[in-house]
C-alpha atoms as a PDB file:
ATOM      1  CA  MET A   1      42.024 -20.944  -0.227  1.00  0.00           C
ATOM      2  CA  ALA A   2      38.959 -23.307  -1.031  1.00  0.00           C
ATOM      3  CA  GLU A   3      39.719 -26.799  -1.869  1.00  0.00           C
ATOM      4  CA  ALA A   4      37.386 -29.343  -3.560  1.00  0.00           C
ATOM      5  CA  GLY A   5      35.013 -31.701  -0.856  1.00  0.00           C
ATOM      6  CA  ASP A   6      36.034 -28.911   1.689  1.00  0.00           C
ATOM      7  CA  GLY A   7      31.983 -27.396   1.845  1.00  0.00           C
ATOM      8  CA  GLN A   8      33.117 -23.974   1.356  1.00  0.00           C
ATOM      9  CA  LEU A   9      31.423 -21.733  -1.012  1.00  0.00           C
ATOM     10  CA  ARG A  10      33.031 -21.327  -4.812  1.00  0.00           C
ATOM     11  CA  SER A  11      33.188 -18.052  -6.439  1.00  0.00           C
ATOM     12  CA  GLU A  12      30.576 -16.721  -8.724  1.00  0.00           C
ATOM     13  CA  THR A  13      32.878 -18.200 -12.011  1.00  0.00           C
ATOM     14  CA  ARG A  14      32.909 -21.157 -10.404  1.00  0.00           C
ATOM     15  CA  ARG A  15      29.077 -21.751  -9.696  1.00  0.00           C
ATOM     16  CA  ARG A  16      28.102 -20.682 -13.230  1.00  0.00           C
ATOM     17  CA  SER A  17      29.492 -24.142 -15.032  1.00  0.00           C
ATOM     18  CA  ARG A  18      26.480 -23.888 -17.725  1.00  0.00           C
ATOM     19  CA  GLU A  19      26.919 -21.720 -20.783  1.00  0.00           C
ATOM     20  CA  ILE A  20      24.387 -20.413 -23.066  1.00  0.00           C
ATOM     21  CA  LYS A  21      25.953 -19.389 -26.422  1.00  0.00           C
ATOM     22  CA  VAL A  22      24.513 -16.703 -28.820  1.00  0.00           C
ATOM     23  CA  ARG A  23      26.107 -15.747 -32.038  1.00  0.00           C
ATOM     24  CA  VAL A  24      26.198 -11.937 -33.012  1.00  0.00           C
ATOM     25  CA  THR A  25      27.567  -9.609 -35.606  1.00  0.00           C
ATOM     26  CA  PRO A  26      30.448  -7.422 -34.759  1.00  0.00           C
ATOM     27  CA  GLU A  27      28.036  -4.641 -34.874  1.00  0.00           C
ATOM     28  CA  GLU A  28      25.764  -6.613 -32.523  1.00  0.00           C
ATOM     29  CA  ARG A  29      28.287  -6.914 -30.256  1.00  0.00           C
ATOM     30  CA  ALA A  30      29.639  -3.772 -30.041  1.00  0.00           C
ATOM     31  CA  ARG A  31      26.344  -2.450 -29.467  1.00  0.00           C
ATOM     32  CA  ILE A  32      25.817  -4.877 -26.621  1.00  0.00           C
ATOM     33  CA  GLU A  33      29.027  -3.644 -24.791  1.00  0.00           C
ATOM     34  CA  ARG A  34      28.662  -0.178 -25.017  1.00  0.00           C
ATOM     35  CA  HIS A  35      24.824  -1.093 -23.550  1.00  0.00           C
ATOM     36  CA  ALA A  36      26.460  -2.722 -20.747  1.00  0.00           C
ATOM     37  CA  ALA A  37      29.288  -0.110 -19.933  1.00  0.00           C
ATOM     38  CA  LEU A  38      26.321   2.652 -19.840  1.00  0.00           C
ATOM     39  CA  HIS A  39      24.459   0.897 -17.458  1.00  0.00           C
ATOM     40  CA  GLY A  40      27.329   0.088 -15.298  1.00  0.00           C
ATOM     41  CA  HIS A  41      28.567  -3.738 -16.176  1.00  0.00           C
ATOM     42  CA  GLU A  42      31.857  -4.587 -16.207  1.00  0.00           C
ATOM     43  CA  THR A  43      31.338  -7.267 -19.171  1.00  0.00           C
ATOM     44  CA  ALA A  44      28.762  -7.722 -21.636  1.00  0.00           C
ATOM     45  CA  ALA A  45      28.056 -11.261 -19.847  1.00  0.00           C
ATOM     46  CA  SER A  46      27.052  -9.349 -16.862  1.00  0.00           C
ATOM     47  CA  PHE A  47      24.470  -7.112 -18.677  1.00  0.00           C
ATOM     48  CA  MET A  48      23.145  -9.548 -20.902  1.00  0.00           C
ATOM     49  CA  ARG A  49      22.546 -12.251 -17.528  1.00  0.00           C
ATOM     50  CA  ALA A  50      21.204  -8.819 -15.792  1.00  0.00           C
ATOM     51  CA  VAL A  51      18.870  -7.935 -18.601  1.00  0.00           C
ATOM     52  CA  ALA A  52      17.400 -11.692 -19.169  1.00  0.00           C
ATOM     53  CA  LEU A  53      17.034 -12.202 -15.722  1.00  0.00           C
ATOM     54  CA  THR A  54      15.289  -9.396 -15.190  1.00  0.00           C
ATOM     55  CA  PRO A  55      11.380  -9.572 -15.867  1.00  0.00           C
ATOM     56  CA  ALA A  56      10.355  -7.033 -18.859  1.00  0.00           C
ATOM     57  CA  GLU A  57       7.234  -4.383 -18.694  1.00  0.00           C
ATOM     58  CA  PRO A  58       4.491  -5.409 -20.872  1.00  0.00           C
ATOM     59  CA  SER A  59       4.679  -3.447 -23.935  1.00  0.00           C
ATOM     60  CA  PRO A  60       2.236  -0.728 -24.602  1.00  0.00           C
ATOM     61  CA  ARG A  61       0.544  -3.200 -27.334  1.00  0.00           C
ATOM     62  CA  VAL A  62       0.226  -5.845 -25.168  1.00  0.00           C
ATOM     63  CA  ARG A  63      -1.358  -3.132 -22.267  1.00  0.00           C
ATOM     64  CA  GLN A  64      -3.757  -1.906 -25.052  1.00  0.00           C
ATOM     65  CA  ILE A  65      -4.361  -5.720 -26.048  1.00  0.00           C
ATOM     66  CA  VAL A  66      -5.136  -6.226 -22.188  1.00  0.00           C
ATOM     67  CA  GLY A  67      -7.599  -3.510 -21.940  1.00  0.00           C
ATOM     68  CA  LEU A  68      -9.804  -4.368 -24.843  1.00  0.00           C
ATOM     69  CA  LEU A  69      -9.882  -7.816 -23.232  1.00  0.00           C
ATOM     70  CA  GLY A  70     -11.000  -5.790 -20.093  1.00  0.00           C
ATOM     71  CA  GLN A  71     -13.742  -3.891 -21.967  1.00  0.00           C
ATOM     72  CA  ILE A  72     -15.061  -6.774 -23.836  1.00  0.00           C
ATOM     73  CA  GLY A  73     -15.133  -8.514 -20.182  1.00  0.00           C
ATOM     74  CA  GLY A  74     -17.069  -6.075 -18.786  1.00  0.00           C
ATOM     75  CA  TRP A  75     -19.265  -6.150 -21.913  1.00  0.00           C
ATOM     76  CA  LEU A  76     -20.237  -9.984 -20.834  1.00  0.00           C
ATOM     77  CA  LYS A  77     -20.713  -9.321 -17.443  1.00  0.00           C
ATOM     78  CA  GLU A  78     -23.499  -6.607 -18.230  1.00  0.00           C
ATOM     79  CA  VAL A  79     -25.220  -8.879 -20.443  1.00  0.00           C
ATOM     80  CA  ASP A  80     -24.914 -11.923 -18.162  1.00  0.00           C
ATOM     81  CA  PRO A  81     -28.241 -10.447 -15.848  1.00  0.00           C
ATOM     82  CA  ILE A  82     -29.959 -10.355 -18.642  1.00  0.00           C
ATOM     83  CA  LEU A  83     -29.385 -14.084 -20.191  1.00  0.00           C
ATOM     84  CA  SER A  84     -29.444 -15.483 -16.548  1.00  0.00           C
ATOM     85  CA  ARG A  85     -33.457 -14.680 -16.484  1.00  0.00           C
ATOM     86  CA  SER A  86     -34.181 -16.291 -20.102  1.00  0.00           C
ATOM     87  CA  ASN A  87     -31.757 -19.130 -20.641  1.00  0.00           C
ATOM     88  CA  ARG A  88     -29.458 -19.996 -18.103  1.00  0.00           C
ATOM     89  CA  ALA A  89     -27.239 -22.317 -20.157  1.00  0.00           C
ATOM     90  CA  GLY A  90     -26.100 -18.768 -22.396  1.00  0.00           C
ATOM     91  CA  ALA A  91     -25.537 -17.678 -18.928  1.00  0.00           C
ATOM     92  CA  ALA A  92     -23.087 -20.036 -17.746  1.00  0.00           C
ATOM     93  CA  ARG A  93     -21.377 -20.374 -21.322  1.00  0.00           C
ATOM     94  CA  LEU A  94     -21.139 -16.685 -20.839  1.00  0.00           C
ATOM     95  CA  ARG A  95     -19.390 -16.164 -17.399  1.00  0.00           C
ATOM     96  CA  LYS A  96     -17.074 -19.130 -18.510  1.00  0.00           C
ATOM     97  CA  GLN A  97     -15.992 -16.740 -21.243  1.00  0.00           C
ATOM     98  CA  ALA A  98     -15.731 -13.631 -18.889  1.00  0.00           C
ATOM     99  CA  GLN A  99     -13.320 -16.068 -16.944  1.00  0.00           C
ATOM    100  CA  MET A 100     -11.245 -17.055 -19.998  1.00  0.00           C
ATOM    101  CA  ILE A 101     -11.132 -13.492 -20.672  1.00  0.00           C
ATOM    102  CA  ALA A 102      -9.435 -12.400 -17.319  1.00  0.00           C
ATOM    103  CA  ILE A 103      -6.698 -15.153 -17.221  1.00  0.00           C
ATOM    104  CA  TRP A 104      -6.281 -14.341 -20.819  1.00  0.00           C
ATOM    105  CA  GLN A 105      -5.370 -10.852 -19.427  1.00  0.00           C
ATOM    106  CA  ARG A 106      -3.499 -12.010 -16.631  1.00  0.00           C
ATOM    107  CA  LYS A 107      -1.090 -14.242 -18.973  1.00  0.00           C
ATOM    108  CA  LEU A 108      -0.596 -11.474 -21.144  1.00  0.00           C
ATOM    109  CA  LEU A 109       0.662  -9.248 -18.035  1.00  0.00           C
ATOM    110  CA  GLY A 110       2.980 -11.897 -17.035  1.00  0.00           C
ATOM    111  CA  ASP A 111       0.762 -13.150 -13.769  1.00  0.00           C
ATOM    112  CA  ASP A 112       1.793 -16.641 -12.049  1.00  0.00           C
ATOM    113  CA  ASP A 113      -1.211 -17.193 -11.275  1.00  0.00           C
ATOM    114  CA  ALA A 114      -3.189 -17.044 -14.792  1.00  0.00           C
ATOM    115  CA  ARG A 115      -3.638 -20.734 -15.183  1.00  0.00           C
ATOM    116  CA  GLN A 116      -6.691 -22.724 -16.528  1.00  0.00           C
ATOM    117  CA  GLY A 117      -9.405 -23.081 -13.133  1.00  0.00           C
ATOM    118  CA  HIS A 118      -7.977 -19.741 -11.315  1.00  0.00           C
ATOM    119  CA  GLN A 119     -11.177 -17.889 -10.682  1.00  0.00           C
ATOM    120  CA  ASP A 120     -12.039 -14.720 -10.045  1.00  0.00           C
ATOM    121  CA  LYS A 121     -13.265 -13.217  -6.589  1.00  0.00           C
ATOM    122  CA  ALA A 122     -16.017 -11.171  -8.032  1.00  0.00           C
END
C-alpha cells in the first residue's frame, strides 16, 4: 500500500484534489446521469470531466461566420493591387485588415496560433 512520502503514485481520486461545484436542478441532474450512462461513463463526474476536457467542434453558425470573413478577406486581397498602384498607405491599411480577418478566423476556429502579430504565409 502506498504511504505518504514513499514516492509512489496515488490513485486517480487522490491526485484529483480540486473541486468545481455546479448547481443543477433535479431534472438537469437526471439528464446528465442519463447521458453519462448512454456514453459509457460510470459516474456523472467522469462524463462531465470528459465533456469539459474535450475540445468542442465549432458550431454551424461559427463556421458560417468564418466563411463570411474569408469572403471579405478575399475581396480585400482582390482590391489590394488596384490600391497599391494609386495609394500605398491605403493598400498597407487594407493588407493589415486582411491579416486581422485571418487572425479572427483562426480564433473563431480555436486555433492556438491565432494571436496578434501572427502573419499569413501568403
